[in-house]
C-alpha cells in the first residue's frame, strides 16, 4: 500500500490525486469484499461457497455402549467401541472417545465417552446421553433428506413387481466367425 502511494505521488497534478484516490478506493473495496466472504454464507446472494463436513473421532452409540461391561479387557473394549481418540501416557488407565461433527444445515455435535481401567480390566464407562444409531443418523441428515419418504422399504411387493413392464425379449444370434483359421501347436508334447 505504501509503495503504491509513493509511486502515485511521484507525479503531480489533479489527475494524479484522482488516480491515487481511485487506487485507494479499489484496495479498500477489495479488502472489504474478502472479509465479507468470510462472514456470510453467500456472495451477492448468488454464489454460495462450498462448506465441507468436518468429522473427527469415532461415533459411540448407545447400542455399542451397552455391549461394554465392567471386567472386560482392553482388547474387548477396543473391539466394541473402536480405537480411542485419546490415550495419554500420564493417564494410562483412561481412554477418551471424542466425536465432533460440523456440517452445513445441522447443529454442531460433540460427544465424549471415557473408559476407565484398572490394569488391563475395565472399571467403568462414562457415557452420558448417547443417541441410538437411528437417532444419530437422523441428527446428521441434512434437512432436504429428512423431507423425503424415509419409511419406504427398498424392496418391491409382489403386486408392484407384477405391475412393472416386461422387458422385450431379444434373441441373441451368434456372430459369424471371420478371419483366418489358425492352428496352434499342442501345449504338451505328444
N, C-alpha and C. Protein backbone atom coordinates (compact mmCIF):
# COMPACT_ATOMS: atom_id res chain seq x y z
N UNK A 1 0.82 -1.18 0.00
CA UNK A 1 0.00 0.00 0.00
C UNK A 1 0.86 1.24 0.00
N UNK A 2 1.90 1.27 0.84
CA UNK A 2 2.78 2.43 0.90
C UNK A 2 3.53 2.58 -0.41
N UNK A 3 3.93 1.49 -1.05
CA UNK A 3 4.63 1.55 -2.32
C UNK A 3 3.75 2.12 -3.41
N UNK A 4 2.45 1.75 -3.40
CA UNK A 4 1.51 2.28 -4.37
C UNK A 4 1.33 3.77 -4.18
N UNK A 5 1.20 4.23 -2.94
CA UNK A 5 1.03 5.65 -2.65
C UNK A 5 2.27 6.42 -3.08
N UNK A 6 3.47 5.89 -2.81
CA UNK A 6 4.71 6.56 -3.17
C UNK A 6 4.84 6.64 -4.69
N UNK A 7 4.47 5.57 -5.41
CA UNK A 7 4.54 5.57 -6.86
C UNK A 7 3.59 6.59 -7.46
N UNK A 8 2.37 6.64 -6.95
CA UNK A 8 1.37 7.56 -7.47
C UNK A 8 1.75 9.00 -7.14
N UNK A 9 2.37 9.25 -5.99
CA UNK A 9 2.69 10.62 -5.59
C UNK A 9 3.95 11.15 -6.28
N UNK A 10 4.67 10.36 -7.08
CA UNK A 10 5.84 10.85 -7.80
C UNK A 10 5.42 11.86 -8.86
N UNK A 11 4.30 11.62 -9.50
CA UNK A 11 3.78 12.59 -10.47
C UNK A 11 2.95 13.60 -9.71
N UNK A 12 2.73 14.76 -10.30
CA UNK A 12 1.96 15.78 -9.59
C UNK A 12 0.79 16.22 -10.46
N UNK A 13 -0.17 16.84 -9.83
CA UNK A 13 -1.30 17.39 -10.56
C UNK A 13 -2.61 16.80 -10.08
N UNK A 14 -3.74 17.40 -10.49
CA UNK A 14 -5.05 16.93 -10.05
C UNK A 14 -5.39 15.54 -10.57
N UNK A 15 -4.90 15.15 -11.73
CA UNK A 15 -5.19 13.82 -12.27
C UNK A 15 -4.52 12.76 -11.40
N UNK A 16 -3.31 13.06 -10.93
CA UNK A 16 -2.58 12.10 -10.10
C UNK A 16 -3.28 11.91 -8.76
N UNK A 17 -3.80 12.97 -8.17
CA UNK A 17 -4.52 12.84 -6.91
C UNK A 17 -5.80 12.03 -7.10
N UNK A 18 -6.46 12.19 -8.24
CA UNK A 18 -7.65 11.42 -8.54
C UNK A 18 -7.29 9.94 -8.69
N UNK A 19 -6.18 9.66 -9.38
CA UNK A 19 -5.72 8.27 -9.54
C UNK A 19 -5.37 7.65 -8.19
N UNK A 20 -4.74 8.45 -7.34
CA UNK A 20 -4.36 7.97 -6.01
C UNK A 20 -5.61 7.59 -5.22
N UNK A 21 -6.59 8.46 -5.26
CA UNK A 21 -7.84 8.18 -4.52
C UNK A 21 -8.57 6.97 -5.09
N UNK A 22 -8.58 6.83 -6.41
CA UNK A 22 -9.22 5.66 -7.02
C UNK A 22 -8.50 4.37 -6.64
N UNK A 23 -7.17 4.41 -6.63
CA UNK A 23 -6.40 3.22 -6.25
C UNK A 23 -6.66 2.84 -4.80
N UNK A 24 -6.71 3.84 -3.91
CA UNK A 24 -7.01 3.55 -2.50
C UNK A 24 -8.41 3.00 -2.34
N UNK A 25 -9.36 3.55 -3.10
CA UNK A 25 -10.74 3.06 -3.03
C UNK A 25 -10.83 1.62 -3.53
N UNK A 26 -10.09 1.28 -4.60
CA UNK A 26 -10.10 -0.08 -5.13
C UNK A 26 -9.52 -1.07 -4.13
N UNK A 27 -8.42 -0.68 -3.48
CA UNK A 27 -7.81 -1.56 -2.47
C UNK A 27 -8.75 -1.75 -1.30
N UNK A 28 -9.41 -0.69 -0.85
CA UNK A 28 -10.34 -0.79 0.27
C UNK A 28 -11.54 -1.65 -0.10
N UNK A 29 -12.06 -1.51 -1.32
CA UNK A 29 -13.20 -2.31 -1.77
C UNK A 29 -12.82 -3.79 -1.85
N UNK A 30 -11.64 -4.07 -2.39
CA UNK A 30 -11.19 -5.46 -2.49
C UNK A 30 -11.02 -6.08 -1.11
N UNK A 31 -10.46 -5.32 -0.18
CA UNK A 31 -10.29 -5.83 1.19
C UNK A 31 -11.61 -6.08 1.88
N UNK A 32 -12.58 -5.20 1.67
CA UNK A 32 -13.88 -5.40 2.31
C UNK A 32 -14.63 -6.55 1.67
N UNK A 33 -14.45 -6.78 0.37
CA UNK A 33 -15.12 -7.92 -0.29
C UNK A 33 -14.58 -9.23 0.25
N UNK A 34 -13.27 -9.30 0.49
CA UNK A 34 -12.69 -10.53 1.03
C UNK A 34 -13.20 -10.81 2.43
N UNK A 35 -13.35 -9.80 3.25
CA UNK A 35 -13.83 -10.03 4.60
C UNK A 35 -15.30 -10.40 4.61
N UNK A 36 -16.08 -9.89 3.65
CA UNK A 36 -17.50 -10.25 3.64
C UNK A 36 -17.70 -11.68 3.20
N UNK A 37 -16.78 -12.23 2.38
CA UNK A 37 -16.90 -13.63 2.00
C UNK A 37 -16.70 -14.54 3.20
N UNK A 38 -15.86 -14.14 4.14
CA UNK A 38 -15.60 -14.98 5.30
C UNK A 38 -16.78 -15.00 6.26
N UNK A 39 -17.55 -13.92 6.33
CA UNK A 39 -18.57 -13.82 7.35
C UNK A 39 -19.96 -14.22 6.88
N UNK A 40 -20.22 -14.29 5.57
CA UNK A 40 -21.57 -14.60 5.12
C UNK A 40 -21.59 -15.95 4.41
N UNK A 41 -22.81 -16.44 4.18
CA UNK A 41 -22.95 -17.72 3.51
C UNK A 41 -23.02 -17.57 1.99
N UNK A 42 -23.25 -16.36 1.48
CA UNK A 42 -23.28 -16.19 0.04
C UNK A 42 -22.66 -14.86 -0.33
N UNK A 43 -22.20 -14.80 -1.55
CA UNK A 43 -21.59 -13.58 -2.08
C UNK A 43 -22.57 -12.96 -3.06
N UNK A 44 -23.03 -11.76 -2.74
CA UNK A 44 -24.01 -11.04 -3.53
C UNK A 44 -25.31 -11.83 -3.69
N UNK A 45 -25.58 -12.74 -2.79
CA UNK A 45 -26.81 -13.51 -2.83
C UNK A 45 -26.86 -14.55 -3.93
N UNK A 46 -25.77 -14.74 -4.67
CA UNK A 46 -25.77 -15.64 -5.80
C UNK A 46 -24.83 -16.82 -5.59
N UNK A 47 -23.60 -16.53 -5.21
CA UNK A 47 -22.58 -17.56 -5.09
C UNK A 47 -22.49 -18.01 -3.64
N UNK A 48 -22.66 -19.30 -3.41
CA UNK A 48 -22.53 -19.85 -2.07
C UNK A 48 -21.28 -20.72 -2.04
N UNK A 49 -20.33 -20.40 -1.16
CA UNK A 49 -19.11 -21.22 -1.12
C UNK A 49 -19.40 -22.61 -0.56
N UNK A 50 -18.62 -23.58 -0.98
CA UNK A 50 -18.75 -24.95 -0.50
C UNK A 50 -18.27 -25.03 0.93
N UNK A 51 -19.07 -25.60 1.80
CA UNK A 51 -18.68 -25.82 3.19
C UNK A 51 -18.53 -27.32 3.39
N UNK A 52 -17.34 -27.73 3.78
CA UNK A 52 -17.02 -29.13 3.93
C UNK A 52 -17.48 -29.66 5.28
N UNK A 53 -17.92 -30.92 5.31
CA UNK A 53 -18.24 -31.58 6.57
C UNK A 53 -16.94 -31.84 7.32
N UNK A 54 -16.94 -31.56 8.61
CA UNK A 54 -15.76 -31.81 9.44
C UNK A 54 -16.16 -32.84 10.47
N UNK A 55 -15.64 -34.05 10.33
CA UNK A 55 -15.94 -35.15 11.24
C UNK A 55 -14.64 -35.60 11.87
N UNK A 56 -14.62 -35.65 13.20
CA UNK A 56 -13.42 -36.08 13.90
C UNK A 56 -13.81 -37.08 14.98
N UNK A 57 -12.99 -38.07 15.16
CA UNK A 57 -13.22 -39.05 16.21
C UNK A 57 -14.04 -40.23 15.71
N UNK A 58 -14.51 -41.03 16.65
CA UNK A 58 -15.33 -42.17 16.29
C UNK A 58 -16.65 -42.11 17.06
N UNK A 59 -17.70 -42.43 16.37
CA UNK A 59 -19.05 -42.39 16.95
C UNK A 59 -19.22 -43.57 17.88
N UNK A 60 -19.71 -43.30 19.07
CA UNK A 60 -20.08 -44.35 20.00
C UNK A 60 -21.58 -44.19 20.24
N UNK A 61 -22.36 -45.19 19.86
CA UNK A 61 -23.80 -45.13 20.03
C UNK A 61 -24.21 -45.86 21.31
N UNK A 62 -25.47 -45.71 21.68
CA UNK A 62 -25.98 -46.36 22.89
C UNK A 62 -25.89 -47.88 22.76
N UNK A 63 -26.11 -48.40 21.55
CA UNK A 63 -26.02 -49.86 21.35
C UNK A 63 -24.60 -50.36 21.60
N UNK A 64 -23.61 -49.61 21.16
CA UNK A 64 -22.22 -50.00 21.39
C UNK A 64 -21.86 -49.92 22.87
N UNK A 65 -22.33 -48.87 23.55
CA UNK A 65 -22.02 -48.71 24.97
C UNK A 65 -22.64 -49.83 25.80
N UNK A 66 -23.81 -50.33 25.37
CA UNK A 66 -24.45 -51.44 26.11
C UNK A 66 -23.64 -52.73 26.01
N UNK A 67 -22.84 -52.87 24.96
CA UNK A 67 -22.01 -54.07 24.81
C UNK A 67 -20.84 -54.11 25.80
N UNK A 68 -20.44 -52.94 26.31
CA UNK A 68 -19.27 -52.85 27.18
C UNK A 68 -19.70 -53.01 28.63
N UNK A 69 -19.06 -53.94 29.33
CA UNK A 69 -19.37 -54.22 30.74
C UNK A 69 -18.09 -54.14 31.56
N UNK A 70 -18.20 -53.74 32.82
CA UNK A 70 -17.02 -53.77 33.69
C UNK A 70 -16.44 -55.18 33.76
N UNK A 71 -15.12 -55.26 33.78
CA UNK A 71 -14.45 -56.55 33.81
C UNK A 71 -13.93 -56.98 32.45
N UNK A 72 -14.30 -56.27 31.39
CA UNK A 72 -13.81 -56.59 30.06
C UNK A 72 -12.35 -56.14 29.92
N UNK A 73 -11.61 -56.81 29.06
CA UNK A 73 -10.22 -56.43 28.83
C UNK A 73 -10.16 -55.25 27.87
N UNK A 74 -8.98 -54.65 27.77
CA UNK A 74 -8.79 -53.52 26.85
C UNK A 74 -9.08 -53.93 25.41
N UNK A 75 -8.66 -55.14 25.04
CA UNK A 75 -8.89 -55.62 23.67
C UNK A 75 -10.39 -55.77 23.39
N UNK A 76 -11.15 -56.26 24.38
CA UNK A 76 -12.59 -56.41 24.20
C UNK A 76 -13.28 -55.05 24.08
N UNK A 77 -12.83 -54.07 24.85
CA UNK A 77 -13.40 -52.72 24.76
C UNK A 77 -13.07 -52.11 23.41
N UNK A 78 -11.85 -52.31 22.94
CA UNK A 78 -11.46 -51.79 21.63
C UNK A 78 -12.29 -52.45 20.52
N UNK A 79 -12.58 -53.73 20.67
CA UNK A 79 -13.42 -54.41 19.67
C UNK A 79 -14.83 -53.83 19.64
N UNK A 80 -15.37 -53.47 20.79
CA UNK A 80 -16.74 -52.97 20.87
C UNK A 80 -16.85 -51.50 20.48
N UNK A 81 -15.90 -50.67 20.91
CA UNK A 81 -16.01 -49.22 20.71
C UNK A 81 -15.08 -48.67 19.64
N UNK A 82 -14.08 -49.42 19.25
CA UNK A 82 -13.09 -48.92 18.30
C UNK A 82 -11.88 -48.37 19.03
N UNK A 83 -10.92 -47.90 18.28
CA UNK A 83 -9.71 -47.33 18.85
C UNK A 83 -10.01 -45.98 19.47
N UNK A 84 -9.55 -45.73 20.69
CA UNK A 84 -9.87 -44.45 21.32
C UNK A 84 -9.18 -43.29 20.61
N UNK A 85 -9.83 -42.12 20.67
CA UNK A 85 -9.26 -40.92 20.04
C UNK A 85 -8.06 -40.43 20.85
N UNK A 86 -8.15 -40.51 22.18
CA UNK A 86 -7.08 -40.01 23.04
C UNK A 86 -6.66 -41.10 24.03
N UNK A 87 -5.38 -41.39 24.02
CA UNK A 87 -4.77 -42.20 25.08
C UNK A 87 -3.59 -41.40 25.57
N UNK A 88 -3.50 -41.24 26.88
CA UNK A 88 -2.49 -40.36 27.46
C UNK A 88 -1.45 -41.19 28.19
N UNK A 89 -0.20 -40.85 27.98
CA UNK A 89 0.89 -41.55 28.64
C UNK A 89 0.84 -41.35 30.15
N UNK A 90 0.37 -40.16 30.59
CA UNK A 90 0.31 -39.86 32.02
C UNK A 90 -0.96 -40.40 32.67
N UNK A 91 -1.96 -40.74 31.88
CA UNK A 91 -3.20 -41.34 32.39
C UNK A 91 -3.44 -42.63 31.62
N UNK A 92 -2.61 -43.62 31.87
CA UNK A 92 -2.64 -44.87 31.10
C UNK A 92 -3.91 -45.67 31.35
N UNK A 93 -4.62 -45.39 32.44
CA UNK A 93 -5.82 -46.14 32.76
C UNK A 93 -7.09 -45.42 32.28
N UNK A 94 -6.95 -44.54 31.29
CA UNK A 94 -8.10 -43.78 30.79
C UNK A 94 -8.03 -43.71 29.27
N UNK A 95 -9.15 -44.07 28.64
CA UNK A 95 -9.30 -43.91 27.20
C UNK A 95 -10.42 -42.93 26.94
N UNK A 96 -10.19 -41.97 26.05
CA UNK A 96 -11.21 -40.99 25.70
C UNK A 96 -11.66 -41.21 24.27
N UNK A 97 -12.96 -41.36 24.11
CA UNK A 97 -13.57 -41.44 22.79
C UNK A 97 -14.31 -40.12 22.58
N UNK A 98 -13.76 -39.26 21.73
CA UNK A 98 -14.35 -37.94 21.48
C UNK A 98 -14.83 -37.92 20.04
N UNK A 99 -16.03 -37.42 19.84
CA UNK A 99 -16.59 -37.32 18.50
C UNK A 99 -17.12 -35.91 18.29
N UNK A 100 -16.73 -35.28 17.19
CA UNK A 100 -17.28 -33.97 16.82
C UNK A 100 -17.64 -34.00 15.35
N UNK A 101 -18.71 -33.29 15.02
CA UNK A 101 -19.11 -33.15 13.62
C UNK A 101 -19.66 -31.75 13.43
N UNK A 102 -19.20 -31.12 12.35
CA UNK A 102 -19.72 -29.81 11.93
C UNK A 102 -20.14 -29.97 10.48
N UNK A 103 -21.42 -29.76 10.23
CA UNK A 103 -21.99 -29.94 8.91
C UNK A 103 -22.89 -28.79 8.55
N UNK A 104 -22.86 -28.32 7.34
CA UNK A 104 -23.80 -27.26 6.95
C UNK A 104 -25.24 -27.77 7.05
N UNK A 105 -26.10 -26.96 7.59
CA UNK A 105 -27.51 -27.33 7.70
C UNK A 105 -27.86 -28.09 8.96
N UNK A 106 -26.88 -28.44 9.79
CA UNK A 106 -27.16 -29.15 11.04
C UNK A 106 -26.39 -28.48 12.17
N UNK A 107 -26.83 -28.75 13.38
CA UNK A 107 -26.15 -28.21 14.56
C UNK A 107 -24.84 -28.96 14.78
N UNK A 108 -23.77 -28.26 15.18
CA UNK A 108 -22.52 -28.97 15.52
C UNK A 108 -22.75 -29.90 16.72
N UNK A 109 -22.11 -31.04 16.69
CA UNK A 109 -22.27 -32.01 17.77
C UNK A 109 -20.91 -32.35 18.37
N UNK A 110 -20.91 -32.61 19.68
CA UNK A 110 -19.69 -33.07 20.37
C UNK A 110 -20.12 -34.05 21.44
N UNK A 111 -19.54 -35.23 21.41
CA UNK A 111 -19.84 -36.25 22.41
C UNK A 111 -18.54 -36.80 22.95
N UNK A 112 -18.55 -37.17 24.22
CA UNK A 112 -17.36 -37.70 24.85
C UNK A 112 -17.73 -38.93 25.67
N UNK A 113 -16.99 -40.00 25.48
CA UNK A 113 -17.15 -41.24 26.24
C UNK A 113 -15.78 -41.55 26.83
N UNK A 114 -15.75 -41.87 28.12
CA UNK A 114 -14.48 -42.13 28.80
C UNK A 114 -14.53 -43.54 29.41
N UNK A 115 -13.51 -44.33 29.11
CA UNK A 115 -13.37 -45.67 29.68
C UNK A 115 -12.23 -45.64 30.69
N UNK A 116 -12.52 -46.09 31.92
CA UNK A 116 -11.52 -46.13 32.98
C UNK A 116 -11.14 -47.59 33.24
N UNK A 117 -9.84 -47.83 33.30
CA UNK A 117 -9.33 -49.18 33.50
C UNK A 117 -8.58 -49.27 34.82
N UNK A 118 -8.53 -50.47 35.35
CA UNK A 118 -7.67 -50.80 36.46
C UNK A 118 -6.79 -51.93 35.96
N UNK A 119 -5.55 -51.56 35.61
CA UNK A 119 -4.67 -52.54 34.97
C UNK A 119 -5.13 -52.76 33.54
N UNK A 120 -5.49 -54.00 33.23
CA UNK A 120 -5.96 -54.34 31.89
C UNK A 120 -7.47 -54.58 31.85
N UNK A 121 -8.15 -54.30 32.96
CA UNK A 121 -9.59 -54.61 33.08
C UNK A 121 -10.39 -53.31 33.19
N UNK A 122 -11.52 -53.25 32.49
CA UNK A 122 -12.38 -52.07 32.52
C UNK A 122 -13.04 -51.93 33.88
N UNK A 123 -12.90 -50.75 34.48
CA UNK A 123 -13.51 -50.48 35.77
C UNK A 123 -14.90 -49.87 35.58
N UNK A 124 -14.98 -48.82 34.72
CA UNK A 124 -16.29 -48.19 34.45
C UNK A 124 -16.22 -47.46 33.11
N UNK A 125 -17.40 -47.18 32.57
CA UNK A 125 -17.53 -46.45 31.32
C UNK A 125 -18.45 -45.27 31.57
N UNK A 126 -17.96 -44.06 31.33
CA UNK A 126 -18.78 -42.87 31.46
C UNK A 126 -19.25 -42.49 30.07
N UNK A 127 -20.55 -42.67 29.83
CA UNK A 127 -21.13 -42.40 28.52
C UNK A 127 -22.47 -41.70 28.69
N UNK A 128 -22.46 -40.39 28.97
CA UNK A 128 -23.72 -39.70 29.20
C UNK A 128 -24.45 -39.37 27.90
N UNK A 129 -25.76 -39.60 27.90
CA UNK A 129 -26.67 -39.17 26.83
C UNK A 129 -26.22 -39.57 25.43
N UNK A 130 -25.97 -40.85 25.22
CA UNK A 130 -25.59 -41.31 23.89
C UNK A 130 -26.85 -41.58 23.07
N UNK A 131 -26.86 -41.17 21.81
CA UNK A 131 -28.02 -41.47 20.97
C UNK A 131 -27.94 -42.89 20.44
N UNK A 132 -29.10 -43.42 20.06
CA UNK A 132 -29.08 -44.70 19.37
C UNK A 132 -28.55 -44.47 17.96
N UNK A 133 -28.29 -45.53 17.26
CA UNK A 133 -27.74 -45.38 15.90
C UNK A 133 -28.74 -44.66 15.00
N UNK A 134 -30.01 -44.98 15.14
CA UNK A 134 -31.05 -44.35 14.32
C UNK A 134 -31.17 -42.86 14.66
N UNK A 135 -31.11 -42.52 15.94
CA UNK A 135 -31.18 -41.11 16.35
C UNK A 135 -29.97 -40.34 15.83
N UNK A 136 -28.79 -40.95 15.88
CA UNK A 136 -27.58 -40.29 15.40
C UNK A 136 -27.68 -39.99 13.91
N UNK A 137 -28.12 -40.96 13.13
CA UNK A 137 -28.26 -40.75 11.69
C UNK A 137 -29.28 -39.66 11.40
N UNK A 138 -30.36 -39.60 12.20
CA UNK A 138 -31.37 -38.56 11.99
C UNK A 138 -30.82 -37.17 12.31
N UNK A 139 -29.91 -37.06 13.27
CA UNK A 139 -29.38 -35.74 13.62
C UNK A 139 -28.36 -35.24 12.62
N UNK A 140 -27.70 -36.12 11.88
CA UNK A 140 -26.70 -35.64 10.92
C UNK A 140 -27.25 -35.54 9.51
N UNK A 141 -28.45 -36.03 9.26
CA UNK A 141 -29.02 -35.94 7.92
C UNK A 141 -29.39 -34.50 7.63
N UNK A 142 -29.03 -34.00 6.45
CA UNK A 142 -29.42 -32.63 6.10
C UNK A 142 -30.94 -32.50 6.02
N UNK A 143 -31.43 -31.28 6.15
CA UNK A 143 -32.86 -31.04 6.18
C UNK A 143 -33.54 -31.49 4.90
N UNK A 144 -32.88 -31.38 3.75
CA UNK A 144 -33.53 -31.77 2.50
C UNK A 144 -33.70 -33.29 2.39
N UNK A 145 -32.89 -34.07 3.10
CA UNK A 145 -33.07 -35.52 3.09
C UNK A 145 -34.18 -35.96 4.05
N UNK A 146 -34.45 -35.16 5.08
CA UNK A 146 -35.47 -35.53 6.06
C UNK A 146 -36.87 -35.40 5.51
N UNK A 147 -37.07 -34.60 4.45
CA UNK A 147 -38.40 -34.38 3.94
C UNK A 147 -38.88 -35.51 3.05
N UNK A 148 -37.98 -36.34 2.56
CA UNK A 148 -38.35 -37.44 1.66
C UNK A 148 -38.98 -38.60 2.41
N UNK A 149 -39.51 -39.57 1.66
CA UNK A 149 -40.12 -40.73 2.31
C UNK A 149 -39.06 -41.63 2.92
N UNK A 150 -38.87 -41.55 4.21
CA UNK A 150 -37.81 -42.31 4.86
C UNK A 150 -38.26 -43.71 5.30
N UNK A 151 -39.57 -43.91 5.42
CA UNK A 151 -40.06 -45.21 5.88
C UNK A 151 -40.36 -46.16 4.73
N UNK A 152 -40.13 -45.74 3.50
CA UNK A 152 -40.42 -46.58 2.36
C UNK A 152 -39.40 -47.72 2.29
N UNK A 153 -39.86 -48.96 2.24
CA UNK A 153 -38.90 -50.07 2.14
C UNK A 153 -38.25 -50.09 0.75
N UNK A 154 -37.08 -50.66 0.69
CA UNK A 154 -36.34 -50.72 -0.56
C UNK A 154 -36.66 -51.97 -1.39
N UNK A 155 -37.62 -52.77 -0.94
CA UNK A 155 -37.99 -54.00 -1.63
C UNK A 155 -39.40 -53.83 -2.20
N UNK A 156 -39.60 -54.26 -3.45
CA UNK A 156 -40.92 -54.18 -4.06
C UNK A 156 -41.80 -55.32 -3.56
N UNK A 157 -43.08 -55.03 -3.47
CA UNK A 157 -44.04 -56.09 -3.12
C UNK A 157 -44.32 -56.91 -4.38
N UNK A 158 -44.99 -58.05 -4.21
CA UNK A 158 -45.31 -58.90 -5.37
C UNK A 158 -46.22 -58.17 -6.36
N UNK A 159 -47.18 -57.39 -5.86
CA UNK A 159 -48.09 -56.67 -6.76
C UNK A 159 -47.34 -55.56 -7.51
N UNK A 160 -46.38 -54.89 -6.85
CA UNK A 160 -45.58 -53.86 -7.53
C UNK A 160 -44.68 -54.48 -8.60
N UNK A 161 -44.13 -55.65 -8.29
CA UNK A 161 -43.29 -56.36 -9.25
C UNK A 161 -44.11 -56.80 -10.47
N UNK A 162 -45.36 -57.27 -10.24
CA UNK A 162 -46.21 -57.71 -11.34
C UNK A 162 -46.63 -56.53 -12.22
N UNK A 163 -46.72 -55.32 -11.65
CA UNK A 163 -47.14 -54.14 -12.42
C UNK A 163 -46.02 -53.57 -13.28
N UNK A 164 -44.79 -54.00 -13.07
CA UNK A 164 -43.67 -53.49 -13.88
C UNK A 164 -43.80 -53.97 -15.31
N UNK A 165 -43.42 -53.13 -16.30
CA UNK A 165 -43.49 -53.58 -17.69
C UNK A 165 -42.45 -54.67 -17.96
N UNK A 166 -42.85 -55.61 -18.81
CA UNK A 166 -41.94 -56.70 -19.16
C UNK A 166 -40.91 -56.20 -20.16
N UNK A 167 -39.65 -56.51 -19.96
CA UNK A 167 -38.64 -56.09 -20.94
C UNK A 167 -38.79 -56.89 -22.23
N UNK A 168 -38.49 -56.27 -23.37
CA UNK A 168 -38.63 -57.00 -24.63
C UNK A 168 -37.61 -58.13 -24.71
N UNK A 169 -38.06 -59.24 -25.29
CA UNK A 169 -37.17 -60.40 -25.40
C UNK A 169 -36.35 -60.25 -26.68
N UNK A 170 -35.06 -60.31 -26.55
CA UNK A 170 -34.15 -60.19 -27.68
C UNK A 170 -33.43 -61.51 -27.85
N UNK A 171 -33.55 -62.06 -29.03
CA UNK A 171 -32.87 -63.32 -29.33
C UNK A 171 -31.43 -63.02 -29.71
N UNK A 172 -30.52 -63.69 -29.10
CA UNK A 172 -29.10 -63.48 -29.40
C UNK A 172 -28.71 -64.39 -30.55
N UNK A 173 -28.15 -63.81 -31.57
CA UNK A 173 -27.65 -64.59 -32.70
C UNK A 173 -26.14 -64.55 -32.65
N UNK A 174 -25.52 -65.70 -32.83
CA UNK A 174 -24.05 -65.71 -32.76
C UNK A 174 -23.47 -64.97 -33.97
N UNK A 175 -22.41 -64.25 -33.73
CA UNK A 175 -21.73 -63.52 -34.80
C UNK A 175 -20.95 -64.49 -35.65
N UNK A 176 -20.93 -64.25 -36.95
CA UNK A 176 -20.16 -65.16 -37.81
C UNK A 176 -18.67 -65.03 -37.54
N UNK A 177 -17.99 -66.16 -37.66
CA UNK A 177 -16.56 -66.18 -37.43
C UNK A 177 -15.88 -65.72 -38.71
N UNK A 178 -15.08 -64.69 -38.58
CA UNK A 178 -14.37 -64.19 -39.75
C UNK A 178 -12.88 -64.23 -39.49
N UNK A 179 -12.11 -64.15 -40.56
CA UNK A 179 -10.66 -64.14 -40.41
C UNK A 179 -10.07 -65.51 -40.64
N UNK A 180 -8.76 -65.58 -40.71
CA UNK A 180 -8.11 -66.87 -40.98
C UNK A 180 -8.20 -67.80 -39.78
N UNK A 181 -8.33 -69.06 -40.09
CA UNK A 181 -8.35 -70.06 -39.04
C UNK A 181 -6.91 -70.42 -38.71
N UNK A 182 -6.58 -70.45 -37.45
CA UNK A 182 -5.20 -70.69 -37.05
C UNK A 182 -5.08 -72.06 -36.39
N UNK A 183 -3.97 -72.65 -36.63
CA UNK A 183 -3.65 -73.92 -35.97
C UNK A 183 -2.52 -73.64 -35.00
N UNK A 184 -2.75 -73.94 -33.76
CA UNK A 184 -1.72 -73.72 -32.74
C UNK A 184 -1.09 -75.06 -32.40
N UNK A 185 0.21 -75.04 -32.07
CA UNK A 185 0.85 -76.31 -31.67
C UNK A 185 0.29 -76.76 -30.32
N UNK A 186 0.34 -78.05 -30.06
CA UNK A 186 -0.18 -78.53 -28.78
C UNK A 186 0.66 -77.99 -27.62
N UNK A 187 -0.01 -77.81 -26.46
CA UNK A 187 0.67 -77.27 -25.27
C UNK A 187 1.62 -78.28 -24.66
N UNK A 188 1.29 -79.55 -24.77
CA UNK A 188 2.15 -80.58 -24.19
C UNK A 188 2.65 -81.48 -25.31
N UNK A 189 3.89 -81.96 -25.17
CA UNK A 189 4.36 -82.87 -26.23
C UNK A 189 3.58 -84.16 -26.24
N UNK A 190 3.35 -84.68 -27.42
CA UNK A 190 2.54 -85.88 -27.57
C UNK A 190 3.28 -87.14 -27.23
